Amino acid sequence: MRHFVIVGILVLVTAVLTYVGLDVAGVATQMNPIEASAQSIPIDWLWNWEIMAICFLFALIIVPMAYSMLVFRRKQGDTTDAEHIEGNTTLEITWTVIPLFAVLALAYMGAYSLGETRRIDPNAMIIKVKGQQFVWTFEYPDTGIISTELHLPVDQQVLLKMESADVIHSFWVPEFRVKQDVVPGRVTEYRITPILVGSYKVRCAELCGASHAYMESPVIVDTRADYNSWIAEQVAIVAASQTPEGLGKLLTVKNGCIGCHSVDGTKMTGPTWFGLFGTKVDLADGSTVTADDAYVTESILDPKAKLVTGFAPVMPPFKLTDIEIANIIAYLKTLK
């Protein structure tokens, strides 16, 4: 009995010291970024309990093993056989029942955390999200706003209805904790309630192509007053952009074109649009072509018809009307 008491005390001490050590090292409670959403609180609570359980199980394995090796090791010169033990029914029942209740407790805690994470607010604001190689776009219904920045009001649950235009993406803001796949042909939902004003980033957490690492967009959590001001400002911009070039710019955002084509000369997956219109373009077959209306139209409808030197044929064809293509061309003419 004395050995059981000693081992029990050592197990508890080792478990506590292990947890404290992990906490100091930042693994237990400091490894995750700040909690910026209501959903992050139950997730981190469950994570902390899991770390404590792991520390206890680690101690429960290591301490008896080390204690047995030190205290019950064979003494020098002892050649006798060890005691033959057939079994211990009480011990077997104990180490079956206790883990059973432990698993049930963890299952309850997991279900509770999941329930809190997925709790529905009937007054949640809806924002549409589109994932596309390699850009996120956000549409605010009933306002006409389409943006590459996600603005959210603090302390207001938001329901993101997400779609993919090509491959599987994964919407992840580390400070919000929750992660959700964005799947072609389906609308997946992501509920979040920001609780901390600040600037964050949404990242794609699913390998989706050559520029996967750069598929990120700003996420700004505003006060209610700042959010309303931003919405009013964007509505005014939308109203003022009802020109061919303004509508063309909105189309390039809505269709995710800016995920591959820069407007400032920056090298991306596709050729830059800056200063493109009217210039000579070197093609992969050794010829050149002028970037005029006909070339841009063909490149939109049949991207593989004329491949630009140095760029892979990864652009999908787009089905746009003649007016939409004309608006895009008008926008390209302004990028000088």
C-alpha atoms as a PDB file:
ATOM      1  CA  MET A   1       0.000   0.000   0.000  1.00  0.00           C
ATOM      2  CA  ARG A   2       2.917   2.305   0.764  1.00  0.00           C
ATOM      3  CA  HIS A   3       4.136   2.050  -2.821  1.00  0.00           C
ATOM      4  CA  PHE A   4       0.692   2.945  -4.198  1.00  0.00           C
ATOM      5  CA  VAL A   5       0.558   6.074  -2.037  1.00  0.00           C
ATOM      6  CA  ILE A   6       4.056   7.157  -3.059  1.00  0.00           C
ATOM      7  CA  VAL A   7       3.365   6.543  -6.758  1.00  0.00           C
ATOM      8  CA  GLY A   8       0.026   8.367  -6.511  1.00  0.00           C
ATOM      9  CA  ILE A   9       1.681  11.444  -4.994  1.00  0.00           C
ATOM     10  CA  LEU A  10       4.491  11.367  -7.568  1.00  0.00           C
ATOM     11  CA  VAL A  11       1.959  11.073 -10.415  1.00  0.00           C
ATOM     12  CA  LEU A  12       0.074  14.157  -9.227  1.00  0.00           C
ATOM     13  CA  VAL A  13       3.265  16.168  -8.686  1.00  0.00           C
ATOM     14  CA  THR A  14       4.659  15.170 -12.095  1.00  0.00           C
ATOM     15  CA  ALA A  15       1.365  15.994 -13.835  1.00  0.00           C
ATOM     16  CA  VAL A  16       1.241  19.459 -12.249  1.00  0.00           C
ATOM     17  CA  LEU A  17       4.898  20.186 -13.020  1.00  0.00           C
ATOM     18  CA  THR A  18       4.429  19.017 -16.627  1.00  0.00           C
ATOM     19  CA  TYR A  19       1.425  21.298 -17.097  1.00  0.00           C
ATOM     20  CA  VAL A  20       3.240  24.250 -15.521  1.00  0.00           C
ATOM     21  CA  GLY A  21       6.243  23.592 -17.740  1.00  0.00           C
ATOM     22  CA  LEU A  22       4.081  23.473 -20.861  1.00  0.00           C
ATOM     23  CA  ASP A  23       2.282  26.622 -19.749  1.00  0.00           C
ATOM     24  CA  VAL A  24       5.559  28.483 -19.234  1.00  0.00           C
ATOM     25  CA  ALA A  25       6.748  27.262 -22.636  1.00  0.00           C
ATOM     26  CA  GLY A  26       3.536  28.581 -24.158  1.00  0.00           C
ATOM     27  CA  VAL A  27       2.104  25.220 -25.218  1.00  0.00           C
ATOM     28  CA  ALA A  28      -0.698  24.852 -22.681  1.00  0.00           C
ATOM     29  CA  THR A  29      -2.555  28.166 -22.805  1.00  0.00           C
ATOM     30  CA  GLN A  30      -0.329  30.656 -24.627  1.00  0.00           C
ATOM     31  CA  MET A  31       0.396  28.862 -27.912  1.00  0.00           C
ATOM     32  CA  ASN A  32      -2.817  30.026 -29.566  1.00  0.00           C
ATOM     33  CA  PRO A  33      -3.229  33.648 -30.667  1.00  0.00           C
ATOM     34  CA  ILE A  34      -5.578  35.975 -28.814  1.00  0.00           C
ATOM     35  CA  GLU A  35      -9.239  35.081 -28.427  1.00  0.00           C
ATOM     36  CA  ALA A  36     -11.018  37.411 -30.847  1.00  0.00           C
ATOM     37  CA  SER A  37     -14.375  35.643 -31.148  1.00  0.00           C
ATOM     38  CA  ALA A  38     -17.000  34.256 -28.816  1.00  0.00           C
ATOM     39  CA  GLN A  39     -16.412  30.846 -30.413  1.00  0.00           C
ATOM     40  CA  SER A  40     -12.722  30.855 -29.472  1.00  0.00           C
ATOM     41  CA  ILE A  41     -13.528  30.820 -25.734  1.00  0.00           C
ATOM     42  CA  PRO A  42     -15.131  27.321 -25.495  1.00  0.00           C
ATOM     43  CA  ILE A  43     -12.569  25.979 -27.973  1.00  0.00           C
ATOM     44  CA  ASP A  44      -9.648  27.189 -25.854  1.00  0.00           C
ATOM     45  CA  TRP A  45     -11.414  25.942 -22.698  1.00  0.00           C
ATOM     46  CA  LEU A  46     -11.612  22.438 -24.169  1.00  0.00           C
ATOM     47  CA  TRP A  47      -8.011  22.641 -25.397  1.00  0.00           C
ATOM     48  CA  ASN A  48      -6.826  23.528 -21.880  1.00  0.00           C
ATOM     49  CA  TRP A  49      -8.652  20.555 -20.339  1.00  0.00           C
ATOM     50  CA  GLU A  50      -7.174  18.264 -22.981  1.00  0.00           C
ATOM     51  CA  ILE A  51      -3.674  19.498 -22.156  1.00  0.00           C
ATOM     52  CA  MET A  52      -4.312  18.769 -18.453  1.00  0.00           C
ATOM     53  CA  ALA A  53      -5.565  15.274 -19.302  1.00  0.00           C
ATOM     54  CA  ILE A  54      -2.491  14.636 -21.459  1.00  0.00           C
ATOM     55  CA  CYS A  55      -0.186  15.766 -18.647  1.00  0.00           C
ATOM     56  CA  PHE A  56      -1.910  13.409 -16.204  1.00  0.00           C
ATOM     57  CA  LEU A  57      -1.758  10.447 -18.601  1.00  0.00           C
ATOM     58  CA  PHE A  58       1.905  11.180 -19.305  1.00  0.00           C
ATOM     59  CA  ALA A  59       2.641  11.125 -15.565  1.00  0.00           C
ATOM     60  CA  LEU A  60       0.469   8.011 -15.060  1.00  0.00           C
ATOM     61  CA  ILE A  61       2.650   6.115 -17.554  1.00  0.00           C
ATOM     62  CA  ILE A  62       6.103   7.497 -16.849  1.00  0.00           C
ATOM     63  CA  VAL A  63       6.053   7.621 -13.023  1.00  0.00           C
ATOM     64  CA  PRO A  64       5.025   3.982 -12.290  1.00  0.00           C
ATOM     65  CA  MET A  65       7.457   2.761 -14.954  1.00  0.00           C
ATOM     66  CA  ALA A  66      10.380   4.797 -13.554  1.00  0.00           C
ATOM     67  CA  TYR A  67       9.422   3.928  -9.940  1.00  0.00           C
ATOM     68  CA  SER A  68       9.273   0.216 -10.743  1.00  0.00           C
ATOM     69  CA  MET A  69      12.647   0.314 -12.489  1.00  0.00           C
ATOM     70  CA  LEU A  70      14.252   1.952  -9.442  1.00  0.00           C
ATOM     71  CA  VAL A  71      12.486   0.270  -6.507  1.00  0.00           C
ATOM     72  CA  PHE A  72      11.709  -3.211  -7.827  1.00  0.00           C
ATOM     73  CA  ARG A  73      14.754  -3.823  -9.969  1.00  0.00           C
ATOM     74  CA  ARG A  74      16.544  -7.145  -9.558  1.00  0.00           C
ATOM     75  CA  LYS A  75      19.211  -6.930  -6.845  1.00  0.00           C
ATOM     76  CA  GLN A  76      22.749  -7.913  -7.681  1.00  0.00           C
ATOM     77  CA  GLY A  77      23.243 -11.653  -7.252  1.00  0.00           C
ATOM     78  CA  ASP A  78      19.484 -12.396  -7.160  1.00  0.00           C
ATOM     79  CA  THR A  79      18.757 -15.273  -9.571  1.00  0.00           C
ATOM     80  CA  THR A  80      15.319 -16.271  -8.292  1.00  0.00           C
ATOM     81  CA  ASP A  81      12.213 -16.168 -10.467  1.00  0.00           C
ATOM     82  CA  ALA A  82       9.727 -13.360 -10.083  1.00  0.00           C
ATOM     83  CA  GLU A  83       6.336 -13.977  -8.503  1.00  0.00           C
ATOM     84  CA  HIS A  84       3.916 -15.596 -10.926  1.00  0.00           C
ATOM     85  CA  ILE A  85       0.635 -13.640 -11.173  1.00  0.00           C
ATOM     86  CA  GLU A  86      -2.338 -15.045 -13.044  1.00  0.00           C
ATOM     87  CA  GLY A  87      -4.435 -11.855 -13.036  1.00  0.00           C
ATOM     88  CA  ASN A  88      -6.253  -9.322 -10.909  1.00  0.00           C
ATOM     89  CA  THR A  89      -9.967  -8.996 -11.594  1.00  0.00           C
ATOM     90  CA  THR A  90     -10.349  -5.908  -9.394  1.00  0.00           C
ATOM     91  CA  LEU A  91      -7.540  -4.106 -11.218  1.00  0.00           C
ATOM     92  CA  GLU A  92      -8.914  -5.017 -14.636  1.00  0.00           C
ATOM     93  CA  ILE A  93     -12.397  -3.768 -13.739  1.00  0.00           C
ATOM     94  CA  THR A  94     -10.929  -0.572 -12.303  1.00  0.00           C
ATOM     95  CA  TRP A  95      -8.822   0.302 -15.365  1.00  0.00           C
ATOM     96  CA  THR A  96     -11.813  -0.395 -17.600  1.00  0.00           C
ATOM     97  CA  VAL A  97     -14.470   1.554 -15.671  1.00  0.00           C
ATOM     98  CA  ILE A  98     -12.403   4.651 -14.845  1.00  0.00           C
ATOM     99  CA  PRO A  99     -11.270   5.280 -18.482  1.00  0.00           C
ATOM    100  CA  LEU A 100     -14.866   4.673 -19.612  1.00  0.00           C
ATOM    101  CA  PHE A 101     -16.145   7.480 -17.401  1.00  0.00           C
ATOM    102  CA  ALA A 102     -13.177   9.653 -18.430  1.00  0.00           C
ATOM    103  CA  VAL A 103     -14.033   9.173 -22.116  1.00  0.00           C
ATOM    104  CA  LEU A 104     -17.711   9.951 -21.445  1.00  0.00           C
ATOM    105  CA  ALA A 105     -16.693  13.122 -19.582  1.00  0.00           C
ATOM    106  CA  LEU A 106     -14.466  14.246 -22.449  1.00  0.00           C
ATOM    107  CA  ALA A 107     -17.241  13.438 -24.924  1.00  0.00           C
ATOM    108  CA  TYR A 108     -19.643  15.636 -22.955  1.00  0.00           C
ATOM    109  CA  MET A 109     -17.083  18.447 -22.820  1.00  0.00           C
ATOM    110  CA  GLY A 110     -16.517  18.158 -26.576  1.00  0.00           C
ATOM    111  CA  ALA A 111     -20.253  18.231 -27.270  1.00  0.00           C
ATOM    112  CA  TYR A 112     -20.675  21.253 -25.003  1.00  0.00           C
ATOM    113  CA  SER A 113     -17.833  23.108 -26.736  1.00  0.00           C
ATOM    114  CA  LEU A 114     -19.236  22.240 -30.177  1.00  0.00           C
ATOM    115  CA  GLY A 115     -22.709  23.396 -29.135  1.00  0.00           C
ATOM    116  CA  GLU A 116     -21.359  26.742 -27.914  1.00  0.00           C
ATOM    117  CA  THR A 117     -19.322  27.153 -31.094  1.00  0.00           C
ATOM    118  CA  ARG A 118     -22.314  26.482 -33.360  1.00  0.00           C
ATOM    119  CA  ARG A 119     -24.903  28.383 -31.309  1.00  0.00           C
ATOM    120  CA  ILE A 120     -27.268  30.198 -33.697  1.00  0.00           C
ATOM    121  CA  ASP A 121     -28.255  33.838 -33.355  1.00  0.00           C
ATOM    122  CA  PRO A 122     -31.502  34.395 -35.320  1.00  0.00           C
ATOM    123  CA  ASN A 123     -30.419  37.998 -35.901  1.00  0.00           C
ATOM    124  CA  ALA A 124     -27.076  37.070 -37.434  1.00  0.00           C
ATOM    125  CA  MET A 125     -25.889  39.260 -40.285  1.00  0.00           C
ATOM    126  CA  ILE A 126     -25.288  37.440 -43.590  1.00  0.00           C
ATOM    127  CA  ILE A 127     -22.239  37.994 -45.803  1.00  0.00           C
ATOM    128  CA  LYS A 128     -21.470  35.989 -48.942  1.00  0.00           C
ATOM    129  CA  VAL A 129     -17.925  34.692 -49.389  1.00  0.00           C
ATOM    130  CA  LYS A 130     -16.345  33.453 -52.596  1.00  0.00           C
ATOM    131  CA  GLY A 131     -13.075  31.528 -52.626  1.00  0.00           C
ATOM    132  CA  GLN A 132     -11.184  31.364 -55.880  1.00  0.00           C
ATOM    133  CA  GLN A 133      -7.579  30.767 -56.863  1.00  0.00           C
ATOM    134  CA  PHE A 134      -6.094  32.777 -55.237  1.00  0.00           C
ATOM    135  CA  VAL A 135      -8.344  35.426 -53.702  1.00  0.00           C
ATOM    136  CA  TRP A 136     -11.217  35.870 -51.262  1.00  0.00           C
ATOM    137  CA  THR A 137     -14.102  38.179 -52.165  1.00  0.00           C
ATOM    138  CA  PHE A 138     -16.905  39.290 -49.863  1.00  0.00           C
ATOM    139  CA  GLU A 139     -20.375  40.446 -50.897  1.00  0.00           C
ATOM    140  CA  TYR A 140     -22.635  42.374 -48.548  1.00  0.00           C
ATOM    141  CA  PRO A 141     -26.254  41.664 -49.584  1.00  0.00           C
ATOM    142  CA  ASP A 142     -28.631  44.558 -50.245  1.00  0.00           C
ATOM    143  CA  THR A 143     -25.754  47.066 -50.473  1.00  0.00           C
ATOM    144  CA  GLY A 144     -24.082  46.239 -53.774  1.00  0.00           C
ATOM    145  CA  ILE A 145     -20.708  46.118 -51.971  1.00  0.00           C
ATOM    146  CA  ILE A 146     -18.150  43.585 -53.177  1.00  0.00           C
ATOM    147  CA  SER A 147     -14.788  43.791 -51.441  1.00  0.00           C
ATOM    148  CA  THR A 148     -11.548  41.916 -50.922  1.00  0.00           C
ATOM    149  CA  GLU A 149     -11.647  43.023 -47.270  1.00  0.00           C
ATOM    150  CA  LEU A 150     -13.969  41.451 -44.728  1.00  0.00           C
ATOM    151  CA  HIS A 151     -15.390  44.037 -42.329  1.00  0.00           C
ATOM    152  CA  LEU A 152     -17.326  42.770 -39.310  1.00  0.00           C
ATOM    153  CA  PRO A 153     -19.088  44.642 -36.490  1.00  0.00           C
ATOM    154  CA  VAL A 154     -17.949  43.717 -32.987  1.00  0.00           C
ATOM    155  CA  ASP A 155     -20.332  41.721 -30.762  1.00  0.00           C
ATOM    156  CA  GLN A 156     -22.587  40.805 -33.709  1.00  0.00           C
ATOM    157  CA  GLN A 157     -22.875  37.234 -34.945  1.00  0.00           C
ATOM    158  CA  VAL A 158     -22.163  36.949 -38.657  1.00  0.00           C
ATOM    159  CA  LEU A 159     -23.166  34.068 -40.900  1.00  0.00           C
ATOM    160  CA  LEU A 160     -20.776  33.633 -43.808  1.00  0.00           C
ATOM    161  CA  LYS A 161     -22.288  31.731 -46.726  1.00  0.00           C
ATOM    162  CA  MET A 162     -19.288  30.473 -48.635  1.00  0.00           C
ATOM    163  CA  GLU A 163     -18.801  29.087 -52.146  1.00  0.00           C
ATOM    164  CA  SER A 164     -15.792  28.058 -54.209  1.00  0.00           C
ATOM    165  CA  ALA A 165     -15.432  28.860 -57.891  1.00  0.00           C
ATOM    166  CA  ASP A 166     -12.815  26.186 -58.580  1.00  0.00           C
ATOM    167  CA  VAL A 167     -11.150  23.890 -56.018  1.00  0.00           C
ATOM    168  CA  ILE A 168     -11.505  23.204 -52.299  1.00  0.00           C
ATOM    169  CA  HIS A 169     -10.366  26.082 -50.091  1.00  0.00           C
ATOM    170  CA  SER A 170     -10.528  26.443 -46.312  1.00  0.00           C
ATOM    171  CA  PHE A 171     -11.540  29.645 -44.528  1.00  0.00           C
ATOM    172  CA  TRP A 172      -9.446  30.203 -41.396  1.00  0.00           C
ATOM    173  CA  VAL A 173      -8.852  33.188 -39.139  1.00  0.00           C
ATOM    174  CA  PRO A 174      -6.529  31.892 -36.366  1.00  0.00           C
ATOM    175  CA  GLU A 175      -7.826  34.410 -33.819  1.00  0.00           C
ATOM    176  CA  PHE A 176     -11.392  33.136 -34.435  1.00  0.00           C
ATOM    177  CA  ARG A 177     -10.246  29.466 -34.100  1.00  0.00           C
ATOM    178  CA  VAL A 178     -13.079  28.074 -36.273  1.00  0.00           C
ATOM    179  CA  LYS A 179     -12.103  26.665 -39.662  1.00  0.00           C
ATOM    180  CA  GLN A 180     -14.461  25.701 -42.493  1.00  0.00           C
ATOM    181  CA  ASP A 181     -13.888  24.169 -45.919  1.00  0.00           C
ATOM    182  CA  VAL A 182     -15.180  26.010 -48.996  1.00  0.00           C
ATOM    183  CA  VAL A 183     -16.275  23.391 -51.510  1.00  0.00           C
ATOM    184  CA  PRO A 184     -17.168  23.697 -55.218  1.00  0.00           C
ATOM    185  CA  GLY A 185     -20.868  23.138 -55.897  1.00  0.00           C
ATOM    186  CA  ARG A 186     -21.904  23.627 -52.258  1.00  0.00           C
ATOM    187  CA  VAL A 187     -22.689  26.476 -49.899  1.00  0.00           C
ATOM    188  CA  THR A 188     -20.938  25.969 -46.569  1.00  0.00           C
ATOM    189  CA  GLU A 189     -21.723  28.087 -43.520  1.00  0.00           C
ATOM    190  CA  TYR A 190     -19.400  29.684 -40.997  1.00  0.00           C
ATOM    191  CA  ARG A 191     -20.772  31.435 -37.896  1.00  0.00           C
ATOM    192  CA  ILE A 192     -18.608  33.838 -35.967  1.00  0.00           C
ATOM    193  CA  THR A 193     -19.147  36.502 -33.313  1.00  0.00           C
ATOM    194  CA  PRO A 194     -16.177  38.889 -33.122  1.00  0.00           C
ATOM    195  CA  ILE A 195     -15.528  40.215 -29.604  1.00  0.00           C
ATOM    196  CA  LEU A 196     -12.297  42.151 -30.067  1.00  0.00           C
ATOM    197  CA  VAL A 197     -11.849  45.177 -32.325  1.00  0.00           C
ATOM    198  CA  GLY A 198      -8.729  44.840 -34.483  1.00  0.00           C
ATOM    199  CA  SER A 199      -7.193  43.750 -37.766  1.00  0.00           C
ATOM    200  CA  TYR A 200      -6.709  40.073 -38.609  1.00  0.00           C
ATOM    201  CA  LYS A 201      -6.196  37.933 -41.712  1.00  0.00           C
ATOM    202  CA  VAL A 202      -8.175  35.132 -43.291  1.00  0.00           C
ATOM    203  CA  ARG A 203      -5.951  32.422 -44.721  1.00  0.00           C
ATOM    204  CA  CYS A 204      -6.673  29.479 -46.957  1.00  0.00           C
ATOM    205  CA  ALA A 205      -5.849  26.381 -44.908  1.00  0.00           C
ATOM    206  CA  GLU A 206      -6.282  23.908 -47.793  1.00  0.00           C
ATOM    207  CA  LEU A 207      -3.541  23.489 -50.404  1.00  0.00           C
ATOM    208  CA  CYS A 208      -5.236  24.921 -53.499  1.00  0.00           C
ATOM    209  CA  GLY A 209      -2.524  25.614 -56.063  1.00  0.00           C
ATOM    210  CA  ALA A 210       0.738  27.377 -56.840  1.00  0.00           C
ATOM    211  CA  SER A 211      -0.107  30.622 -55.015  1.00  0.00           C
ATOM    212  CA  HIS A 212      -1.915  29.013 -52.075  1.00  0.00           C
ATOM    213  CA  ALA A 213       0.445  30.679 -49.576  1.00  0.00           C
ATOM    214  CA  TYR A 214      -0.614  34.129 -50.789  1.00  0.00           C
ATOM    215  CA  MET A 215      -4.373  33.528 -50.573  1.00  0.00           C
ATOM    216  CA  GLU A 216      -5.130  35.790 -47.641  1.00  0.00           C
ATOM    217  CA  SER A 217      -7.280  38.869 -47.104  1.00  0.00           C
ATOM    218  CA  PRO A 218      -7.662  41.459 -44.340  1.00  0.00           C
ATOM    219  CA  VAL A 219     -10.363  40.913 -41.723  1.00  0.00           C
ATOM    220  CA  ILE A 220     -11.254  44.093 -39.858  1.00  0.00           C
ATOM    221  CA  VAL A 221     -13.437  43.980 -36.757  1.00  0.00           C
ATOM    222  CA  ASP A 222     -14.939  47.468 -36.280  1.00  0.00           C
ATOM    223  CA  THR A 223     -17.008  49.132 -33.649  1.00  0.00           C
ATOM    224  CA  ARG A 224     -20.630  49.456 -34.721  1.00  0.00           C
ATOM    225  CA  ALA A 225     -20.136  53.142 -35.545  1.00  0.00           C
ATOM    226  CA  ASP A 226     -17.004  52.477 -37.622  1.00  0.00           C
ATOM    227  CA  TYR A 227     -18.690  49.587 -39.412  1.00  0.00           C
ATOM    228  CA  ASN A 228     -21.686  51.718 -40.348  1.00  0.00           C
ATOM    229  CA  SER A 229     -19.338  54.446 -41.583  1.00  0.00           C
ATOM    230  CA  TRP A 230     -17.441  51.943 -43.741  1.00  0.00           C
ATOM    231  CA  ILE A 231     -20.678  50.591 -45.222  1.00  0.00           C
ATOM    232  CA  ALA A 232     -21.876  54.133 -46.028  1.00  0.00           C
ATOM    233  CA  GLU A 233     -18.517  54.951 -47.627  1.00  0.00           C
ATOM    234  CA  GLN A 234     -18.555  51.811 -49.758  1.00  0.00           C
ATOM    235  CA  VAL A 235     -22.156  52.378 -50.846  1.00  0.00           C
ATOM    236  CA  ALA A 236     -21.144  55.862 -51.993  1.00  0.00           C
ATOM    237  CA  ILE A 237     -18.211  54.395 -53.930  1.00  0.00           C
ATOM    238  CA  VAL A 238     -20.501  51.843 -55.596  1.00  0.00           C
ATOM    239  CA  ALA A 239     -22.939  54.604 -56.558  1.00  0.00           C
ATOM    240  CA  ALA A 240     -20.135  56.716 -58.000  1.00  0.00           C
ATOM    241  CA  SER A 241     -18.664  53.814 -59.983  1.00  0.00           C
ATOM    242  CA  GLN A 242     -21.578  53.361 -62.353  1.00  0.00           C
ATOM    243  CA  THR A 243     -19.312  54.056 -65.314  1.00  0.00           C
ATOM    244  CA  PRO A 244     -17.949  51.428 -67.728  1.00  0.00           C
ATOM    245  CA  GLU A 245     -14.522  51.441 -66.093  1.00  0.00           C
ATOM    246  CA  GLY A 246     -16.035  51.447 -62.583  1.00  0.00           C
ATOM    247  CA  LEU A 247     -18.301  48.523 -63.392  1.00  0.00           C
ATOM    248  CA  GLY A 248     -15.362  46.737 -64.997  1.00  0.00           C
ATOM    249  CA  LYS A 249     -13.327  47.106 -61.818  1.00  0.00           C
ATOM    250  CA  LEU A 250     -16.188  45.655 -59.765  1.00  0.00           C
ATOM    251  CA  LEU A 251     -16.381  42.708 -62.161  1.00  0.00           C
ATOM    252  CA  THR A 252     -12.677  41.933 -61.746  1.00  0.00           C
ATOM    253  CA  VAL A 253     -13.160  41.845 -57.981  1.00  0.00           C
ATOM    254  CA  LYS A 254     -16.359  39.816 -58.113  1.00  0.00           C
ATOM    255  CA  ASN A 255     -14.876  37.209 -60.470  1.00  0.00           C
ATOM    256  CA  GLY A 256     -11.622  36.910 -58.524  1.00  0.00           C
ATOM    257  CA  CYS A 257      -9.426  38.181 -61.373  1.00  0.00           C
ATOM    258  CA  ILE A 258      -7.226  40.124 -58.949  1.00  0.00           C
ATOM    259  CA  GLY A 259      -6.182  36.860 -57.351  1.00  0.00           C
ATOM    260  CA  CYS A 260      -3.874  36.218 -60.318  1.00  0.00           C
ATOM    261  CA  HIS A 261      -3.482  39.588 -62.066  1.00  0.00           C
ATOM    262  CA  SER A 262      -2.013  42.609 -60.320  1.00  0.00           C
ATOM    263  CA  VAL A 263      -2.943  46.194 -61.194  1.00  0.00           C
ATOM    264  CA  ASP A 264       0.313  47.770 -60.042  1.00  0.00           C
ATOM    265  CA  GLY A 265       2.962  45.737 -61.853  1.00  0.00           C
ATOM    266  CA  THR A 266       3.497  43.191 -59.077  1.00  0.00           C
ATOM    267  CA  LYS A 267       4.385  39.729 -60.398  1.00  0.00           C
ATOM    268  CA  MET A 268       1.643  37.194 -59.727  1.00  0.00           C
ATOM    269  CA  THR A 269       0.375  33.917 -61.186  1.00  0.00           C
ATOM    270  CA  GLY A 270      -0.960  35.744 -64.258  1.00  0.00           C
ATOM    271  CA  PRO A 271       0.381  38.700 -66.269  1.00  0.00           C
ATOM    272  CA  THR A 272      -0.022  42.108 -64.643  1.00  0.00           C
ATOM    273  CA  TRP A 273      -2.670  44.431 -66.060  1.00  0.00           C
ATOM    274  CA  PHE A 274      -0.689  47.558 -65.285  1.00  0.00           C
ATOM    275  CA  GLY A 275       0.190  49.253 -68.571  1.00  0.00           C
ATOM    276  CA  LEU A 276      -0.946  46.166 -70.504  1.00  0.00           C
ATOM    277  CA  PHE A 277      -3.519  47.603 -72.895  1.00  0.00           C
ATOM    278  CA  GLY A 278      -2.075  48.622 -76.242  1.00  0.00           C
ATOM    279  CA  THR A 279       1.348  47.014 -75.672  1.00  0.00           C
ATOM    280  CA  LYS A 280       3.001  44.086 -77.415  1.00  0.00           C
ATOM    281  CA  VAL A 281       2.648  40.747 -75.618  1.00  0.00           C
ATOM    282  CA  ASP A 282       5.188  37.952 -76.108  1.00  0.00           C
ATOM    283  CA  LEU A 283       3.493  34.588 -76.589  1.00  0.00           C
ATOM    284  CA  ALA A 284       4.747  31.119 -75.721  1.00  0.00           C
ATOM    285  CA  ASP A 285       4.925  30.113 -79.418  1.00  0.00           C
ATOM    286  CA  GLY A 286       7.459  32.874 -80.153  1.00  0.00           C
ATOM    287  CA  SER A 287       5.022  35.322 -81.752  1.00  0.00           C
ATOM    288  CA  THR A 288       3.719  38.625 -80.434  1.00  0.00           C
ATOM    289  CA  VAL A 289       0.272  40.152 -80.287  1.00  0.00           C
ATOM    290  CA  THR A 290      -1.094  43.576 -79.438  1.00  0.00           C
ATOM    291  CA  ALA A 291      -3.175  43.727 -76.275  1.00  0.00           C
ATOM    292  CA  ASP A 292      -6.236  45.277 -77.912  1.00  0.00           C
ATOM    293  CA  ASP A 293      -9.976  44.718 -77.511  1.00  0.00           C
ATOM    294  CA  ALA A 294      -9.939  41.502 -79.567  1.00  0.00           C
ATOM    295  CA  TYR A 295      -6.994  40.018 -77.635  1.00  0.00           C
ATOM    296  CA  VAL A 296      -8.499  40.797 -74.213  1.00  0.00           C
ATOM    297  CA  THR A 297     -11.893  39.416 -75.260  1.00  0.00           C
ATOM    298  CA  GLU A 298     -10.328  36.188 -76.543  1.00  0.00           C
ATOM    299  CA  SER A 299      -8.180  35.853 -73.404  1.00  0.00           C
ATOM    300  CA  ILE A 300     -11.295  36.052 -71.221  1.00  0.00           C
ATOM    301  CA  LEU A 301     -13.426  33.624 -73.222  1.00  0.00           C
ATOM    302  CA  ASP A 302     -10.627  31.227 -74.280  1.00  0.00           C
ATOM    303  CA  PRO A 303      -7.541  31.799 -72.067  1.00  0.00           C
ATOM    304  CA  LYS A 304      -5.530  29.001 -73.677  1.00  0.00           C
ATOM    305  CA  ALA A 305      -5.861  30.355 -77.218  1.00  0.00           C
ATOM    306  CA  LYS A 306      -2.793  32.579 -76.866  1.00  0.00           C
ATOM    307  CA  LEU A 307      -0.460  31.678 -73.984  1.00  0.00           C
ATOM    308  CA  VAL A 308       1.807  34.400 -72.626  1.00  0.00           C
ATOM    309  CA  THR A 309       5.494  33.548 -72.247  1.00  0.00           C
ATOM    310  CA  GLY A 310       6.451  32.614 -68.688  1.00  0.00           C
ATOM    311  CA  PHE A 311       2.935  31.842 -67.422  1.00  0.00           C
ATOM    312  CA  ALA A 312       1.239  28.474 -66.985  1.00  0.00           C
ATOM    313  CA  PRO A 313      -2.143  27.860 -68.675  1.00  0.00           C
ATOM    314  CA  VAL A 314      -4.137  27.778 -65.436  1.00  0.00           C
ATOM    315  CA  MET A 315      -6.785  30.435 -66.092  1.00  0.00           C
ATOM    316  CA  PRO A 316     -10.315  29.022 -66.552  1.00  0.00           C
ATOM    317  CA  PRO A 317     -12.624  30.474 -69.219  1.00  0.00           C
ATOM    318  CA  PHE A 318     -15.211  33.024 -68.054  1.00  0.00           C
ATOM    319  CA  LYS A 319     -18.717  33.363 -69.408  1.00  0.00           C
ATOM    320  CA  LEU A 320     -19.320  37.114 -69.571  1.00  0.00           C
ATOM    321  CA  THR A 321     -21.627  39.215 -71.708  1.00  0.00           C
ATOM    322  CA  ASP A 322     -20.315  41.565 -74.376  1.00  0.00           C
ATOM    323  CA  ILE A 323     -21.175  44.541 -72.142  1.00  0.00           C
ATOM    324  CA  GLU A 324     -19.309  43.050 -69.169  1.00  0.00           C
ATOM    325  CA  ILE A 325     -16.233  42.394 -71.319  1.00  0.00           C
ATOM    326  CA  ALA A 326     -16.405  45.930 -72.691  1.00  0.00           C
ATOM    327  CA  ASN A 327     -16.523  47.285 -69.129  1.00  0.00           C
ATOM    328  CA  ILE A 328     -13.454  45.254 -68.165  1.00  0.00           C
ATOM    329  CA  ILE A 329     -11.602  46.537 -71.206  1.00  0.00           C
ATOM    330  CA  ALA A 330     -12.543  50.107 -70.251  1.00  0.00           C
ATOM    331  CA  TYR A 331     -11.072  49.449 -66.792  1.00  0.00           C
ATOM    332  CA  LEU A 332      -7.855  47.980 -68.215  1.00  0.00           C
ATOM    333  CA  LYS A 333      -7.378  51.137 -70.296  1.00  0.00           C
ATOM    334  CA  THR A 334      -7.181  53.165 -67.081  1.00  0.00           C
ATOM    335  CA  LEU A 335      -4.317  51.113 -65.612  1.00  0.00           C
ATOM    336  CA  LYS A 336      -1.357  53.152 -66.814  1.00  0.00           C
END
